[in-house]
């Protein structure tokens, strides 16, 4: 019985990590798409509308996207900063 409980605990931990990595990947992909939208639209009204649509399309609300941004930036500040800088460079074509 103890082995089963240990297995379930370990499996649950791995599943949570995998889910967290998937959520992070989704966030960073969405962020990249937002940067591309902003780079391709000089009119802020059009860009803002498209960004809102992209956020919703990717399963976020404005608040949940901002909350995820804050969560990642606070939980892994160095990793977050490097990823954001890299995404900006890629999305900007640098």
N, C-alpha and C. Protein backbone atom coordinates (compact mmCIF):
# COMPACT_ATOMS: atom_id res chain seq x y z
N UNK A 1 0.81 -1.19 0.00
CA UNK A 1 0.00 0.00 0.00
C UNK A 1 0.87 1.27 0.00
N UNK A 2 1.97 1.23 0.76
CA UNK A 2 2.86 2.38 0.81
C UNK A 2 3.49 2.65 -0.56
N UNK A 3 3.81 1.56 -1.28
CA UNK A 3 4.41 1.73 -2.60
C UNK A 3 3.42 2.38 -3.55
N UNK A 4 2.15 1.98 -3.46
CA UNK A 4 1.13 2.57 -4.31
C UNK A 4 0.96 4.05 -4.00
N UNK A 5 0.93 4.39 -2.73
CA UNK A 5 0.79 5.80 -2.34
C UNK A 5 1.98 6.61 -2.82
N UNK A 6 3.18 6.05 -2.69
CA UNK A 6 4.39 6.74 -3.15
C UNK A 6 4.36 6.92 -4.67
N UNK A 7 3.93 5.87 -5.39
CA UNK A 7 3.83 5.95 -6.84
C UNK A 7 2.84 7.04 -7.25
N UNK A 8 1.68 7.08 -6.61
CA UNK A 8 0.66 8.07 -6.94
C UNK A 8 1.16 9.49 -6.64
N UNK A 9 1.86 9.65 -5.55
CA UNK A 9 2.42 10.95 -5.20
C UNK A 9 3.45 11.38 -6.24
N UNK A 10 4.33 10.48 -6.61
CA UNK A 10 5.35 10.78 -7.62
C UNK A 10 4.72 11.07 -8.96
N UNK A 11 3.75 10.25 -9.37
CA UNK A 11 3.07 10.46 -10.65
C UNK A 11 2.35 11.80 -10.66
N UNK A 12 1.69 12.13 -9.56
CA UNK A 12 0.99 13.41 -9.46
C UNK A 12 1.94 14.58 -9.56
N UNK A 13 3.11 14.46 -8.95
CA UNK A 13 4.11 15.52 -9.00
C UNK A 13 4.63 15.71 -10.43
N UNK A 14 4.88 14.59 -11.11
CA UNK A 14 5.36 14.68 -12.49
C UNK A 14 4.30 15.27 -13.40
N UNK A 15 3.06 14.87 -13.20
CA UNK A 15 1.96 15.41 -14.02
C UNK A 15 1.81 16.90 -13.79
N UNK A 16 1.96 17.34 -12.56
CA UNK A 16 1.86 18.78 -12.24
C UNK A 16 2.98 19.55 -12.92
N UNK A 17 4.19 18.99 -12.90
CA UNK A 17 5.33 19.65 -13.55
C UNK A 17 5.09 19.74 -15.05
N UNK A 18 4.62 18.66 -15.64
CA UNK A 18 4.36 18.65 -17.07
C UNK A 18 3.29 19.66 -17.44
N UNK A 19 2.25 19.72 -16.64
CA UNK A 19 1.17 20.68 -16.87
C UNK A 19 1.69 22.11 -16.73
N UNK A 20 2.54 22.34 -15.75
CA UNK A 20 3.11 23.66 -15.54
C UNK A 20 3.98 24.07 -16.72
N UNK A 21 4.77 23.13 -17.23
CA UNK A 21 5.61 23.42 -18.40
C UNK A 21 4.76 23.72 -19.62
N UNK A 22 3.65 23.00 -19.77
CA UNK A 22 2.73 23.24 -20.89
C UNK A 22 2.14 24.64 -20.77
N UNK A 23 1.73 25.02 -19.55
CA UNK A 23 1.18 26.36 -19.33
C UNK A 23 2.21 27.45 -19.63
N UNK A 24 3.44 27.21 -19.22
CA UNK A 24 4.50 28.18 -19.48
C UNK A 24 4.75 28.30 -20.98
N UNK A 25 4.78 27.19 -21.66
CA UNK A 25 4.98 27.19 -23.11
C UNK A 25 3.86 27.96 -23.80
N UNK A 26 2.62 27.72 -23.35
CA UNK A 26 1.47 28.43 -23.92
C UNK A 26 1.60 29.93 -23.68
N UNK A 27 2.03 30.30 -22.48
CA UNK A 27 2.20 31.72 -22.17
C UNK A 27 3.24 32.34 -23.10
N UNK A 28 4.41 31.71 -23.21
CA UNK A 28 5.48 32.29 -24.02
C UNK A 28 5.11 32.33 -25.51
N UNK A 29 4.40 31.33 -25.98
CA UNK A 29 3.92 31.36 -27.37
C UNK A 29 2.94 32.51 -27.59
N UNK A 30 2.05 32.70 -26.64
CA UNK A 30 1.09 33.80 -26.73
C UNK A 30 1.81 35.14 -26.70
N UNK A 31 2.79 35.27 -25.81
CA UNK A 31 3.56 36.51 -25.72
C UNK A 31 4.25 36.80 -27.05
N UNK A 32 4.83 35.79 -27.66
CA UNK A 32 5.50 35.97 -28.96
C UNK A 32 4.51 36.43 -30.02
N UNK A 33 3.34 35.83 -30.04
CA UNK A 33 2.31 36.23 -31.01
C UNK A 33 1.88 37.67 -30.79
N UNK A 34 1.82 38.10 -29.54
CA UNK A 34 1.46 39.49 -29.23
C UNK A 34 2.53 40.45 -29.75
N UNK A 35 3.78 40.11 -29.55
CA UNK A 35 4.88 40.96 -30.05
C UNK A 35 4.80 41.07 -31.57
N UNK A 36 4.55 39.97 -32.25
CA UNK A 36 4.44 39.98 -33.71
C UNK A 36 3.27 40.85 -34.15
N UNK A 37 2.14 40.72 -33.48
CA UNK A 37 0.97 41.55 -33.81
C UNK A 37 1.33 43.02 -33.66
N UNK A 38 1.96 43.37 -32.56
CA UNK A 38 2.31 44.78 -32.33
C UNK A 38 3.33 45.29 -33.36
N UNK A 39 4.27 44.44 -33.76
CA UNK A 39 5.26 44.84 -34.76
C UNK A 39 4.65 45.02 -36.14
N UNK A 40 3.58 44.29 -36.42
CA UNK A 40 2.97 44.33 -37.75
C UNK A 40 1.84 45.35 -37.88
N UNK A 41 1.49 46.03 -36.80
CA UNK A 41 0.38 46.97 -36.82
C UNK A 41 0.78 48.28 -36.16
N UNK A 42 0.94 49.30 -36.97
CA UNK A 42 1.36 50.59 -36.42
C UNK A 42 0.21 51.33 -35.76
N UNK A 43 -1.03 50.98 -36.10
CA UNK A 43 -2.19 51.61 -35.49
C UNK A 43 -2.49 50.92 -34.15
N UNK A 44 -2.32 51.63 -33.04
CA UNK A 44 -2.53 51.00 -31.73
C UNK A 44 -3.94 50.44 -31.53
N UNK A 45 -4.94 51.08 -32.10
CA UNK A 45 -6.31 50.58 -31.95
C UNK A 45 -6.46 49.20 -32.58
N UNK A 46 -5.92 49.05 -33.77
CA UNK A 46 -5.98 47.76 -34.46
C UNK A 46 -5.16 46.72 -33.70
N UNK A 47 -3.95 47.11 -33.31
CA UNK A 47 -3.07 46.19 -32.59
C UNK A 47 -3.71 45.73 -31.28
N UNK A 48 -4.28 46.66 -30.52
CA UNK A 48 -4.92 46.29 -29.25
C UNK A 48 -6.08 45.33 -29.46
N UNK A 49 -6.87 45.57 -30.50
CA UNK A 49 -8.00 44.68 -30.80
C UNK A 49 -7.49 43.28 -31.14
N UNK A 50 -6.47 43.20 -31.98
CA UNK A 50 -5.91 41.91 -32.36
C UNK A 50 -5.25 41.19 -31.19
N UNK A 51 -4.60 41.94 -30.31
CA UNK A 51 -3.98 41.35 -29.13
C UNK A 51 -5.04 40.76 -28.22
N UNK A 52 -6.13 41.49 -27.99
CA UNK A 52 -7.22 40.98 -27.16
C UNK A 52 -7.80 39.69 -27.75
N UNK A 53 -7.95 39.68 -29.08
CA UNK A 53 -8.46 38.48 -29.75
C UNK A 53 -7.49 37.30 -29.58
N UNK A 54 -6.20 37.55 -29.71
CA UNK A 54 -5.19 36.50 -29.58
C UNK A 54 -5.17 35.96 -28.15
N UNK A 55 -5.26 36.84 -27.18
CA UNK A 55 -5.26 36.41 -25.77
C UNK A 55 -6.46 35.50 -25.53
N UNK A 56 -7.62 35.91 -26.00
CA UNK A 56 -8.83 35.12 -25.83
C UNK A 56 -8.73 33.79 -26.59
N UNK A 57 -8.24 33.85 -27.81
CA UNK A 57 -8.08 32.65 -28.65
C UNK A 57 -7.19 31.61 -27.97
N UNK A 58 -6.21 32.07 -27.21
CA UNK A 58 -5.28 31.16 -26.54
C UNK A 58 -5.74 30.76 -25.13
N UNK A 59 -6.99 31.09 -24.81
CA UNK A 59 -7.58 30.60 -23.57
C UNK A 59 -7.35 31.47 -22.35
N UNK A 60 -6.94 32.70 -22.56
CA UNK A 60 -6.71 33.62 -21.45
C UNK A 60 -7.78 34.70 -21.43
N UNK A 61 -7.91 35.34 -20.28
CA UNK A 61 -8.57 36.64 -20.19
C UNK A 61 -7.44 37.64 -20.04
N UNK A 62 -7.75 38.92 -20.17
CA UNK A 62 -6.69 39.92 -19.95
C UNK A 62 -6.06 39.73 -18.57
N UNK A 63 -6.91 39.52 -17.57
CA UNK A 63 -6.43 39.36 -16.20
C UNK A 63 -5.61 38.10 -16.02
N UNK A 64 -6.07 36.97 -16.57
CA UNK A 64 -5.32 35.73 -16.37
C UNK A 64 -3.96 35.77 -17.09
N UNK A 65 -3.89 36.46 -18.22
CA UNK A 65 -2.61 36.59 -18.91
C UNK A 65 -1.66 37.45 -18.09
N UNK A 66 -2.16 38.56 -17.56
CA UNK A 66 -1.33 39.42 -16.71
C UNK A 66 -0.89 38.68 -15.45
N UNK A 67 -1.83 37.92 -14.87
CA UNK A 67 -1.49 37.15 -13.67
C UNK A 67 -0.38 36.14 -13.95
N UNK A 68 -0.45 35.48 -15.11
CA UNK A 68 0.58 34.51 -15.47
C UNK A 68 1.92 35.21 -15.71
N UNK A 69 1.89 36.38 -16.33
CA UNK A 69 3.09 37.18 -16.52
C UNK A 69 3.74 37.49 -15.17
N UNK A 70 2.94 37.93 -14.23
CA UNK A 70 3.45 38.27 -12.89
C UNK A 70 3.96 37.03 -12.18
N UNK A 71 3.20 35.93 -12.25
CA UNK A 71 3.61 34.70 -11.57
C UNK A 71 4.96 34.22 -12.07
N UNK A 72 5.13 34.17 -13.38
CA UNK A 72 6.40 33.71 -13.95
C UNK A 72 7.54 34.66 -13.63
N UNK A 73 7.28 35.96 -13.72
CA UNK A 73 8.35 36.93 -13.46
C UNK A 73 8.80 36.91 -12.00
N UNK A 74 7.88 36.59 -11.10
CA UNK A 74 8.24 36.55 -9.69
C UNK A 74 8.83 35.21 -9.26
N UNK A 75 8.38 34.12 -9.89
CA UNK A 75 8.86 32.80 -9.46
C UNK A 75 10.22 32.44 -10.05
N UNK A 76 10.53 32.95 -11.24
CA UNK A 76 11.81 32.64 -11.89
C UNK A 76 12.32 33.89 -12.61
N UNK A 77 12.66 34.92 -11.88
CA UNK A 77 12.97 36.20 -12.53
C UNK A 77 14.08 36.15 -13.58
N UNK A 78 15.15 35.43 -13.33
CA UNK A 78 16.25 35.38 -14.30
C UNK A 78 15.87 34.60 -15.55
N UNK A 79 15.25 33.45 -15.35
CA UNK A 79 14.80 32.64 -16.48
C UNK A 79 13.76 33.42 -17.29
N UNK A 80 12.84 34.04 -16.60
CA UNK A 80 11.78 34.81 -17.24
C UNK A 80 12.37 35.93 -18.10
N UNK A 81 13.29 36.68 -17.54
CA UNK A 81 13.89 37.81 -18.26
C UNK A 81 14.62 37.33 -19.52
N UNK A 82 15.36 36.23 -19.41
CA UNK A 82 16.07 35.70 -20.58
C UNK A 82 15.09 35.24 -21.66
N UNK A 83 14.03 34.55 -21.25
CA UNK A 83 13.04 34.07 -22.23
C UNK A 83 12.33 35.23 -22.91
N UNK A 84 11.93 36.22 -22.12
CA UNK A 84 11.24 37.38 -22.69
C UNK A 84 12.14 38.13 -23.67
N UNK A 85 13.40 38.34 -23.29
CA UNK A 85 14.35 39.01 -24.19
C UNK A 85 14.53 38.22 -25.48
N UNK A 86 14.65 36.91 -25.36
CA UNK A 86 14.81 36.05 -26.53
C UNK A 86 13.58 36.10 -27.43
N UNK A 87 12.42 36.05 -26.83
CA UNK A 87 11.17 36.11 -27.61
C UNK A 87 11.07 37.44 -28.34
N UNK A 88 11.40 38.52 -27.66
CA UNK A 88 11.34 39.85 -28.30
C UNK A 88 12.29 39.92 -29.48
N UNK A 89 13.48 39.38 -29.31
CA UNK A 89 14.46 39.41 -30.40
C UNK A 89 13.99 38.58 -31.59
N UNK A 90 13.48 37.39 -31.32
CA UNK A 90 13.00 36.51 -32.39
C UNK A 90 11.81 37.13 -33.10
N UNK A 91 10.85 37.62 -32.32
CA UNK A 91 9.63 38.18 -32.89
C UNK A 91 9.90 39.47 -33.67
N UNK A 92 10.96 40.17 -33.29
CA UNK A 92 11.30 41.41 -33.97
C UNK A 92 12.21 41.19 -35.17
N UNK A 93 12.62 39.94 -35.36
CA UNK A 93 13.47 39.61 -36.50
C UNK A 93 14.91 40.01 -36.32
N UNK A 94 15.36 40.14 -35.09
CA UNK A 94 16.76 40.53 -34.85
C UNK A 94 17.65 39.32 -34.83
